[in-house]
Amino acid sequence: MDCAAVTPLLITFNEIDNIARTLAKLEWAQRIVVIDSGSTDGTLEVLAKDPRIEVVRRPFDSFAEQCNFGLAQIRTGWVLSMDADYELGDGFVAELEELQPGAGQAGYRAAFVYRIHGRPLRGTLYPPRAVLYRVQGARYENEGHGHRIRLGGAVSDLRSTIFHDDRKPLSRWLGSQLRYAAREAEHLLGASREKLSRIDRLRLMGWPAPILVLGYVLFVKGAVLDGRAGWFYAYQRLLAEVLLALELLDRRLSGASK
């Protein structure tokens, strides 16, 4: 695949702690599209220094709509969907140039190595996701606190990994988790139980998920062997599940009291 056939797409909001590292791995791109929802921390100033980058400002309403708006700005046949805290692995570009997608190939999925302040973890809960795909036929849909890409064809796995390394302040992460918990609770309470996964049914119960996730991350995924970074990640996942459990309880209790 010719690198010129691929346009990186980034969604940003106050990413000054991450954006330079992400852009450093996109030197091969001829054009980069950034959808920004009102950054005020210096992110826009960093982006303005690179003539390849086209920044389009759009107020944030949902992840899915932000991404769909971004897809409409892409002029190449393929897009590389990036969060502003992603870093491409060293072998990514070489593999990209080796790809020979057939007509039925809609995209490619990448696995991630999760970092805490630059320290890679052995294993996390961060799932592989489709990052490289044809623009035609692609559509994002909201799902819980996140979003899911729908592609009209085959999706294969890449050999190369991508690093996830969010270095924004902990206070920013906490604020995001409160919003995510509210969206996830709405999703879980509004979905029919039959359509929920086994994990989501456990989360819907409230109390099991925080206990289980801590043990799973530490001992099954091996975070206990990653020192302070591993414990930091395990506590993050524990707190995220506790916040969701509290949100579910709050909604149930407030509804019962009316």
C-alpha atoms as a PDB file:
ATOM      1  CA  MET A   1       0.000   0.000   0.000  1.00  0.00           C
ATOM      2  CA  ASP A   2       1.256   3.455  -0.880  1.00  0.00           C
ATOM      3  CA  CYS A   3       1.524   5.669   2.197  1.00  0.00           C
ATOM      4  CA  ALA A   4       0.085   8.490   0.096  1.00  0.00           C
ATOM      5  CA  ALA A   5      -3.205   6.558  -0.012  1.00  0.00           C
ATOM      6  CA  VAL A   6      -3.607   6.867   3.777  1.00  0.00           C
ATOM      7  CA  THR A   7      -4.602   9.942   5.795  1.00  0.00           C
ATOM      8  CA  PRO A   8      -4.192   9.921   9.583  1.00  0.00           C
ATOM      9  CA  LEU A   9      -7.242  11.227  11.472  1.00  0.00           C
ATOM     10  CA  LEU A  10      -6.891  12.517  15.045  1.00  0.00           C
ATOM     11  CA  ILE A  11      -9.535  13.679  17.518  1.00  0.00           C
ATOM     12  CA  THR A  12      -8.156  16.226  19.995  1.00  0.00           C
ATOM     13  CA  PHE A  13      -9.095  18.261  23.034  1.00  0.00           C
ATOM     14  CA  ASN A  14      -6.306  19.681  25.204  1.00  0.00           C
ATOM     15  CA  GLU A  15      -3.686  17.075  24.290  1.00  0.00           C
ATOM     16  CA  ILE A  16      -0.535  19.117  24.862  1.00  0.00           C
ATOM     17  CA  ASP A  17       0.905  16.321  27.029  1.00  0.00           C
ATOM     18  CA  ASN A  18       0.642  13.785  24.189  1.00  0.00           C
ATOM     19  CA  ILE A  19       0.353  15.344  20.753  1.00  0.00           C
ATOM     20  CA  ALA A  20       4.055  15.854  19.956  1.00  0.00           C
ATOM     21  CA  ARG A  21       4.850  12.159  20.525  1.00  0.00           C
ATOM     22  CA  THR A  22       1.939  11.104  18.337  1.00  0.00           C
ATOM     23  CA  LEU A  23       2.932  13.422  15.486  1.00  0.00           C
ATOM     24  CA  ALA A  24       6.567  12.297  15.640  1.00  0.00           C
ATOM     25  CA  LYS A  25       5.479   8.871  14.346  1.00  0.00           C
ATOM     26  CA  LEU A  26       3.450  10.347  11.467  1.00  0.00           C
ATOM     27  CA  GLU A  27       6.318  11.863   9.494  1.00  0.00           C
ATOM     28  CA  TRP A  28       5.425   9.648   6.509  1.00  0.00           C
ATOM     29  CA  ALA A  29       1.949  11.181   6.081  1.00  0.00           C
ATOM     30  CA  GLN A  30       1.338  13.767   3.368  1.00  0.00           C
ATOM     31  CA  ARG A  31      -1.790  15.172   5.050  1.00  0.00           C
ATOM     32  CA  ILE A  32      -3.111  14.824   8.594  1.00  0.00           C
ATOM     33  CA  VAL A  33      -6.675  15.730   9.565  1.00  0.00           C
ATOM     34  CA  VAL A  34      -7.357  16.829  13.143  1.00  0.00           C
ATOM     35  CA  ILE A  35     -10.849  17.390  14.535  1.00  0.00           C
ATOM     36  CA  ASP A  36     -10.502  19.630  17.585  1.00  0.00           C
ATOM     37  CA  SER A  37     -13.276  20.478  20.026  1.00  0.00           C
ATOM     38  CA  GLY A  38     -11.856  23.644  21.553  1.00  0.00           C
ATOM     39  CA  SER A  39      -8.340  23.043  22.869  1.00  0.00           C
ATOM     40  CA  THR A  40      -6.919  25.886  24.976  1.00  0.00           C
ATOM     41  CA  ASP A  41      -3.726  24.325  26.372  1.00  0.00           C
ATOM     42  CA  GLY A  42      -1.339  24.888  23.462  1.00  0.00           C
ATOM     43  CA  THR A  43      -2.397  21.882  21.364  1.00  0.00           C
ATOM     44  CA  LEU A  44      -3.529  24.083  18.469  1.00  0.00           C
ATOM     45  CA  GLU A  45      -0.261  26.008  18.515  1.00  0.00           C
ATOM     46  CA  VAL A  46       1.704  22.756  18.154  1.00  0.00           C
ATOM     47  CA  LEU A  47      -0.535  21.614  15.292  1.00  0.00           C
ATOM     48  CA  ALA A  48      -0.206  24.968  13.507  1.00  0.00           C
ATOM     49  CA  LYS A  49       3.556  24.478  13.147  1.00  0.00           C
ATOM     50  CA  ASP A  50       3.095  21.546  10.744  1.00  0.00           C
ATOM     51  CA  PRO A  51       1.877  22.567   7.258  1.00  0.00           C
ATOM     52  CA  ARG A  52       0.608  19.030   6.585  1.00  0.00           C
ATOM     53  CA  ILE A  53      -1.974  19.295   9.350  1.00  0.00           C
ATOM     54  CA  GLU A  54      -5.484  20.520   8.624  1.00  0.00           C
ATOM     55  CA  VAL A  55      -7.353  21.403  11.811  1.00  0.00           C
ATOM     56  CA  VAL A  56     -11.145  21.472  11.666  1.00  0.00           C
ATOM     57  CA  ARG A  57     -12.900  22.800  14.752  1.00  0.00           C
ATOM     58  CA  ARG A  58     -16.132  21.124  15.836  1.00  0.00           C
ATOM     59  CA  PRO A  59     -17.926  21.246  19.216  1.00  0.00           C
ATOM     60  CA  PHE A  60     -17.928  17.828  20.846  1.00  0.00           C
ATOM     61  CA  ASP A  61     -21.243  15.991  21.040  1.00  0.00           C
ATOM     62  CA  SER A  62     -20.182  12.335  20.966  1.00  0.00           C
ATOM     63  CA  PHE A  63     -17.156  10.274  19.993  1.00  0.00           C
ATOM     64  CA  ALA A  64     -19.023   8.636  17.132  1.00  0.00           C
ATOM     65  CA  GLU A  65     -20.239  11.872  15.576  1.00  0.00           C
ATOM     66  CA  GLN A  66     -16.838  13.491  15.975  1.00  0.00           C
ATOM     67  CA  CYS A  67     -15.237  10.571  14.137  1.00  0.00           C
ATOM     68  CA  ASN A  68     -17.908  10.457  11.418  1.00  0.00           C
ATOM     69  CA  PHE A  69     -17.397  14.170  10.826  1.00  0.00           C
ATOM     70  CA  GLY A  70     -13.676  13.497  10.561  1.00  0.00           C
ATOM     71  CA  LEU A  71     -14.192  10.740   7.987  1.00  0.00           C
ATOM     72  CA  ALA A  72     -16.045  13.241   5.805  1.00  0.00           C
ATOM     73  CA  GLN A  73     -12.856  15.347   5.658  1.00  0.00           C
ATOM     74  CA  ILE A  74     -10.690  12.503   4.296  1.00  0.00           C
ATOM     75  CA  ARG A  75      -9.838  12.660   0.581  1.00  0.00           C
ATOM     76  CA  THR A  76      -7.841   9.419   0.319  1.00  0.00           C
ATOM     77  CA  GLY A  77      -9.265   5.928   0.059  1.00  0.00           C
ATOM     78  CA  TRP A  78      -7.851   4.826   3.408  1.00  0.00           C
ATOM     79  CA  VAL A  79      -7.753   6.413   6.856  1.00  0.00           C
ATOM     80  CA  LEU A  80      -5.564   5.733   9.890  1.00  0.00           C
ATOM     81  CA  SER A  81      -7.750   6.446  12.918  1.00  0.00           C
ATOM     82  CA  MET A  82      -5.615   7.663  15.821  1.00  0.00           C
ATOM     83  CA  ASP A  83      -6.250   8.841  19.344  1.00  0.00           C
ATOM     84  CA  ALA A  84      -3.984  11.702  20.365  1.00  0.00           C
ATOM     85  CA  ASP A  85      -2.201   9.447  22.876  1.00  0.00           C
ATOM     86  CA  TYR A  86      -1.245   6.745  20.350  1.00  0.00           C
ATOM     87  CA  GLU A  87       2.285   6.161  19.068  1.00  0.00           C
ATOM     88  CA  LEU A  88       2.912   3.922  16.073  1.00  0.00           C
ATOM     89  CA  GLY A  89       5.450   1.164  16.615  1.00  0.00           C
ATOM     90  CA  ASP A  90       8.715   1.300  14.673  1.00  0.00           C
ATOM     91  CA  GLY A  91       7.625  -1.420  12.235  1.00  0.00           C
ATOM     92  CA  PHE A  92       4.247   0.064  11.390  1.00  0.00           C
ATOM     93  CA  VAL A  93       5.217   2.036   8.284  1.00  0.00           C
ATOM     94  CA  ALA A  94       7.193  -0.855   6.777  1.00  0.00           C
ATOM     95  CA  GLU A  95       4.207  -3.162   7.263  1.00  0.00           C
ATOM     96  CA  LEU A  96       1.869  -0.540   5.818  1.00  0.00           C
ATOM     97  CA  GLU A  97       3.943  -0.433   2.643  1.00  0.00           C
ATOM     98  CA  GLU A  98       3.812  -4.247   2.389  1.00  0.00           C
ATOM     99  CA  LEU A  99       0.019  -4.455   2.545  1.00  0.00           C
ATOM    100  CA  GLN A 100      -1.799  -5.492  -0.624  1.00  0.00           C
ATOM    101  CA  PRO A 101      -5.495  -5.328   0.287  1.00  0.00           C
ATOM    102  CA  GLY A 102      -7.934  -7.051  -2.025  1.00  0.00           C
ATOM    103  CA  ALA A 103     -11.320  -5.688  -2.981  1.00  0.00           C
ATOM    104  CA  GLY A 104     -12.990  -7.386  -0.019  1.00  0.00           C
ATOM    105  CA  GLN A 105     -10.499  -6.085   2.547  1.00  0.00           C
ATOM    106  CA  ALA A 106     -12.196  -3.333   4.551  1.00  0.00           C
ATOM    107  CA  GLY A 107      -9.560  -2.732   7.186  1.00  0.00           C
ATOM    108  CA  TYR A 108      -6.829  -3.816   9.567  1.00  0.00           C
ATOM    109  CA  ARG A 109      -6.824  -4.248  13.333  1.00  0.00           C
ATOM    110  CA  ALA A 110      -3.906  -3.419  15.634  1.00  0.00           C
ATOM    111  CA  ALA A 111      -3.036  -4.667  19.102  1.00  0.00           C
ATOM    112  CA  PHE A 112      -1.828  -2.195  21.709  1.00  0.00           C
ATOM    113  CA  VAL A 113       0.954  -2.004  24.249  1.00  0.00           C
ATOM    114  CA  TYR A 114      -0.255   0.084  27.177  1.00  0.00           C
ATOM    115  CA  ARG A 115       2.234   2.438  28.792  1.00  0.00           C
ATOM    116  CA  ILE A 116       2.072   4.295  32.091  1.00  0.00           C
ATOM    117  CA  HIS A 117       4.303   7.375  31.845  1.00  0.00           C
ATOM    118  CA  GLY A 118       6.361   5.608  29.200  1.00  0.00           C
ATOM    119  CA  ARG A 119       6.603   2.285  31.053  1.00  0.00           C
ATOM    120  CA  PRO A 120       5.118  -0.606  29.024  1.00  0.00           C
ATOM    121  CA  LEU A 121       2.834  -3.070  30.801  1.00  0.00           C
ATOM    122  CA  ARG A 122       2.800  -6.822  30.180  1.00  0.00           C
ATOM    123  CA  GLY A 123      -0.940  -7.004  29.692  1.00  0.00           C
ATOM    124  CA  THR A 124      -3.965  -4.750  30.068  1.00  0.00           C
ATOM    125  CA  LEU A 125      -7.675  -4.624  29.333  1.00  0.00           C
ATOM    126  CA  TYR A 126      -7.148  -2.381  26.298  1.00  0.00           C
ATOM    127  CA  PRO A 127      -8.540  -4.330  23.326  1.00  0.00           C
ATOM    128  CA  PRO A 128      -7.287  -4.487  19.729  1.00  0.00           C
ATOM    129  CA  ARG A 129      -9.195  -2.154  17.420  1.00  0.00           C
ATOM    130  CA  ALA A 130      -9.543  -1.424  13.724  1.00  0.00           C
ATOM    131  CA  VAL A 131      -7.285   1.548  13.044  1.00  0.00           C
ATOM    132  CA  LEU A 132      -6.582   1.333   9.306  1.00  0.00           C
ATOM    133  CA  TYR A 133      -9.590   1.014   7.009  1.00  0.00           C
ATOM    134  CA  ARG A 134     -11.296   2.091   3.823  1.00  0.00           C
ATOM    135  CA  VAL A 135     -13.235   5.327   4.197  1.00  0.00           C
ATOM    136  CA  GLN A 136     -16.017   4.139   1.914  1.00  0.00           C
ATOM    137  CA  GLY A 137     -18.535   2.128   3.907  1.00  0.00           C
ATOM    138  CA  ALA A 138     -17.070   3.049   7.308  1.00  0.00           C
ATOM    139  CA  ARG A 139     -19.414   4.370   9.981  1.00  0.00           C
ATOM    140  CA  TYR A 140     -19.035   4.973  13.713  1.00  0.00           C
ATOM    141  CA  GLU A 141     -21.760   4.203  16.245  1.00  0.00           C
ATOM    142  CA  ASN A 142     -21.962   5.178  19.912  1.00  0.00           C
ATOM    143  CA  GLU A 143     -21.732   2.297  22.366  1.00  0.00           C
ATOM    144  CA  GLY A 144     -21.743   2.989  26.084  1.00  0.00           C
ATOM    145  CA  HIS A 145     -19.100   5.576  26.919  1.00  0.00           C
ATOM    146  CA  GLY A 146     -17.188   4.830  23.717  1.00  0.00           C
ATOM    147  CA  HIS A 147     -17.780   4.126  20.073  1.00  0.00           C
ATOM    148  CA  ARG A 148     -17.505   1.296  17.567  1.00  0.00           C
ATOM    149  CA  ILE A 149     -16.528   1.343  13.895  1.00  0.00           C
ATOM    150  CA  ARG A 150     -18.668  -0.572  11.419  1.00  0.00           C
ATOM    151  CA  LEU A 151     -16.863  -1.775   8.302  1.00  0.00           C
ATOM    152  CA  GLY A 152     -18.309  -3.463   5.260  1.00  0.00           C
ATOM    153  CA  GLY A 153     -15.791  -6.227   4.681  1.00  0.00           C
ATOM    154  CA  ALA A 154     -12.957  -8.313   6.073  1.00  0.00           C
ATOM    155  CA  VAL A 155     -10.742  -7.001   8.871  1.00  0.00           C
ATOM    156  CA  SER A 156      -7.292  -8.572   9.341  1.00  0.00           C
ATOM    157  CA  ASP A 157      -4.741  -8.279  12.137  1.00  0.00           C
ATOM    158  CA  LEU A 158      -1.547  -6.280  11.778  1.00  0.00           C
ATOM    159  CA  ARG A 159       1.756  -7.593  13.109  1.00  0.00           C
ATOM    160  CA  SER A 160       2.828  -4.154  14.284  1.00  0.00           C
ATOM    161  CA  THR A 161       1.622  -2.827  17.607  1.00  0.00           C
ATOM    162  CA  ILE A 162       0.595   0.662  18.660  1.00  0.00           C
ATOM    163  CA  PHE A 163       1.528   2.200  21.999  1.00  0.00           C
ATOM    164  CA  HIS A 164      -1.151   3.787  24.161  1.00  0.00           C
ATOM    165  CA  ASP A 165       0.533   6.325  26.441  1.00  0.00           C
ATOM    166  CA  ASP A 166      -1.735   8.991  27.923  1.00  0.00           C
ATOM    167  CA  ARG A 167       0.299  11.404  30.036  1.00  0.00           C
ATOM    168  CA  LYS A 168      -2.412  13.918  30.851  1.00  0.00           C
ATOM    169  CA  PRO A 169      -2.785  14.754  34.586  1.00  0.00           C
ATOM    170  CA  LEU A 170      -4.578  12.278  36.837  1.00  0.00           C
ATOM    171  CA  SER A 171      -7.227  14.913  37.566  1.00  0.00           C
ATOM    172  CA  ARG A 172      -8.130  14.945  33.876  1.00  0.00           C
ATOM    173  CA  TRP A 173      -8.459  11.161  33.868  1.00  0.00           C
ATOM    174  CA  LEU A 174     -10.732  11.267  36.913  1.00  0.00           C
ATOM    175  CA  GLY A 175     -13.028  13.811  35.286  1.00  0.00           C
ATOM    176  CA  SER A 176     -13.248  11.693  32.156  1.00  0.00           C
ATOM    177  CA  GLN A 177     -14.087   8.571  34.158  1.00  0.00           C
ATOM    178  CA  LEU A 178     -17.031  10.296  35.828  1.00  0.00           C
ATOM    179  CA  ARG A 179     -18.466  11.140  32.412  1.00  0.00           C
ATOM    180  CA  TYR A 180     -17.726   7.667  31.072  1.00  0.00           C
ATOM    181  CA  ALA A 181     -19.438   6.043  34.067  1.00  0.00           C
ATOM    182  CA  ALA A 182     -22.598   8.064  33.442  1.00  0.00           C
ATOM    183  CA  ARG A 183     -22.708   7.066  29.767  1.00  0.00           C
ATOM    184  CA  GLU A 184     -21.912   3.431  30.502  1.00  0.00           C
ATOM    185  CA  ALA A 185     -24.597   3.221  33.192  1.00  0.00           C
ATOM    186  CA  GLU A 186     -27.160   4.625  30.783  1.00  0.00           C
ATOM    187  CA  HIS A 187     -26.122   2.036  28.199  1.00  0.00           C
ATOM    188  CA  LEU A 188     -26.235  -0.907  30.625  1.00  0.00           C
ATOM    189  CA  LEU A 189     -29.567   0.054  32.162  1.00  0.00           C
ATOM    190  CA  GLY A 190     -31.140   0.746  28.787  1.00  0.00           C
ATOM    191  CA  ALA A 191     -30.041  -2.456  27.033  1.00  0.00           C
ATOM    192  CA  SER A 192     -31.934  -5.731  27.234  1.00  0.00           C
ATOM    193  CA  ARG A 193     -30.107  -8.213  29.449  1.00  0.00           C
ATOM    194  CA  GLU A 194     -30.015 -10.809  26.658  1.00  0.00           C
ATOM    195  CA  LYS A 195     -27.943  -8.478  24.460  1.00  0.00           C
ATOM    196  CA  LEU A 196     -25.350  -7.763  27.134  1.00  0.00           C
ATOM    197  CA  SER A 197     -22.109  -9.714  27.298  1.00  0.00           C
ATOM    198  CA  ARG A 198     -21.307 -11.822  30.358  1.00  0.00           C
ATOM    199  CA  ILE A 199     -18.898  -9.130  31.545  1.00  0.00           C
ATOM    200  CA  ASP A 200     -21.508  -6.392  31.157  1.00  0.00           C
ATOM    201  CA  ARG A 201     -24.040  -8.469  33.091  1.00  0.00           C
ATOM    202  CA  LEU A 202     -21.538  -8.684  35.945  1.00  0.00           C
ATOM    203  CA  ARG A 203     -20.977  -4.934  35.760  1.00  0.00           C
ATOM    204  CA  LEU A 204     -24.726  -4.381  35.855  1.00  0.00           C
ATOM    205  CA  MET A 205     -24.845  -6.199  39.202  1.00  0.00           C
ATOM    206  CA  GLY A 206     -22.559  -3.519  40.630  1.00  0.00           C
ATOM    207  CA  TRP A 207     -20.463  -5.160  43.345  1.00  0.00           C
ATOM    208  CA  PRO A 208     -18.667  -8.076  41.568  1.00  0.00           C
ATOM    209  CA  ALA A 209     -16.881  -6.100  38.853  1.00  0.00           C
ATOM    210  CA  PRO A 210     -14.578  -3.920  41.015  1.00  0.00           C
ATOM    211  CA  ILE A 211     -13.394  -6.934  43.008  1.00  0.00           C
ATOM    212  CA  LEU A 212     -12.899  -9.137  39.973  1.00  0.00           C
ATOM    213  CA  VAL A 213     -11.158  -6.540  37.813  1.00  0.00           C
ATOM    214  CA  LEU A 214      -8.475  -5.830  40.419  1.00  0.00           C
ATOM    215  CA  GLY A 215      -7.511  -9.500  40.716  1.00  0.00           C
ATOM    216  CA  TYR A 216      -7.744 -10.058  36.975  1.00  0.00           C
ATOM    217  CA  VAL A 217      -5.489  -7.129  36.074  1.00  0.00           C
ATOM    218  CA  LEU A 218      -2.928  -7.870  38.778  1.00  0.00           C
ATOM    219  CA  PHE A 219      -2.615 -11.636  38.501  1.00  0.00           C
ATOM    220  CA  VAL A 220      -4.077 -12.793  35.180  1.00  0.00           C
ATOM    221  CA  LYS A 221      -2.757  -9.905  33.096  1.00  0.00           C
ATOM    222  CA  GLY A 222       0.441  -9.722  35.136  1.00  0.00           C
ATOM    223  CA  ALA A 223       0.335  -6.102  36.262  1.00  0.00           C
ATOM    224  CA  VAL A 224       1.661  -7.158  39.666  1.00  0.00           C
ATOM    225  CA  LEU A 225       4.989  -7.853  37.918  1.00  0.00           C
ATOM    226  CA  ASP A 226       5.147  -4.348  36.431  1.00  0.00           C
ATOM    227  CA  GLY A 227       5.943  -2.582  39.687  1.00  0.00           C
ATOM    228  CA  ARG A 228       4.481   0.818  40.429  1.00  0.00           C
ATOM    229  CA  ALA A 229       3.212   1.271  36.874  1.00  0.00           C
ATOM    230  CA  GLY A 230       1.296  -1.997  37.123  1.00  0.00           C
ATOM    231  CA  TRP A 231      -0.276  -1.061  40.437  1.00  0.00           C
ATOM    232  CA  PHE A 232      -1.170   2.372  39.065  1.00  0.00           C
ATOM    233  CA  TYR A 233      -2.989   0.785  36.137  1.00  0.00           C
ATOM    234  CA  ALA A 234      -4.723  -1.776  38.372  1.00  0.00           C
ATOM    235  CA  TYR A 235      -5.960   0.969  40.693  1.00  0.00           C
ATOM    236  CA  GLN A 236      -7.191   2.945  37.683  1.00  0.00           C
ATOM    237  CA  ARG A 237      -9.254   0.010  36.445  1.00  0.00           C
ATOM    238  CA  LEU A 238     -10.544  -0.656  39.966  1.00  0.00           C
ATOM    239  CA  LEU A 239     -11.621   2.964  40.386  1.00  0.00           C
ATOM    240  CA  ALA A 240     -13.287   3.027  36.964  1.00  0.00           C
ATOM    241  CA  GLU A 241     -15.423   0.031  37.946  1.00  0.00           C
ATOM    242  CA  VAL A 242     -16.195   1.523  41.375  1.00  0.00           C
ATOM    243  CA  LEU A 243     -17.395   4.748  39.742  1.00  0.00           C
ATOM    244  CA  LEU A 244     -19.621   2.759  37.395  1.00  0.00           C
ATOM    245  CA  ALA A 245     -21.030   0.738  40.306  1.00  0.00           C
ATOM    246  CA  LEU A 246     -21.759   3.976  42.186  1.00  0.00           C
ATOM    247  CA  GLU A 247     -23.446   5.471  39.129  1.00  0.00           C
ATOM    248  CA  LEU A 248     -25.650   2.399  38.759  1.00  0.00           C
ATOM    249  CA  LEU A 249     -26.555   2.454  42.461  1.00  0.00           C
ATOM    250  CA  ASP A 250     -27.271   6.170  42.369  1.00  0.00           C
ATOM    251  CA  ARG A 251     -29.655   5.812  39.445  1.00  0.00           C
ATOM    252  CA  ARG A 252     -31.446   2.869  41.013  1.00  0.00           C
ATOM    253  CA  LEU A 253     -31.770   4.534  44.419  1.00  0.00           C
ATOM    254  CA  SER A 254     -32.879   7.876  43.023  1.00  0.00           C
ATOM    255  CA  GLY A 255     -35.433   6.135  40.824  1.00  0.00           C
ATOM    256  CA  ALA A 256     -36.795   4.096  43.721  1.00  0.00           C
ATOM    257  CA  SER A 257     -37.188   7.202  45.894  1.00  0.00           C
ATOM    258  CA  LYS A 258     -39.398   9.062  43.411  1.00  0.00           C
END
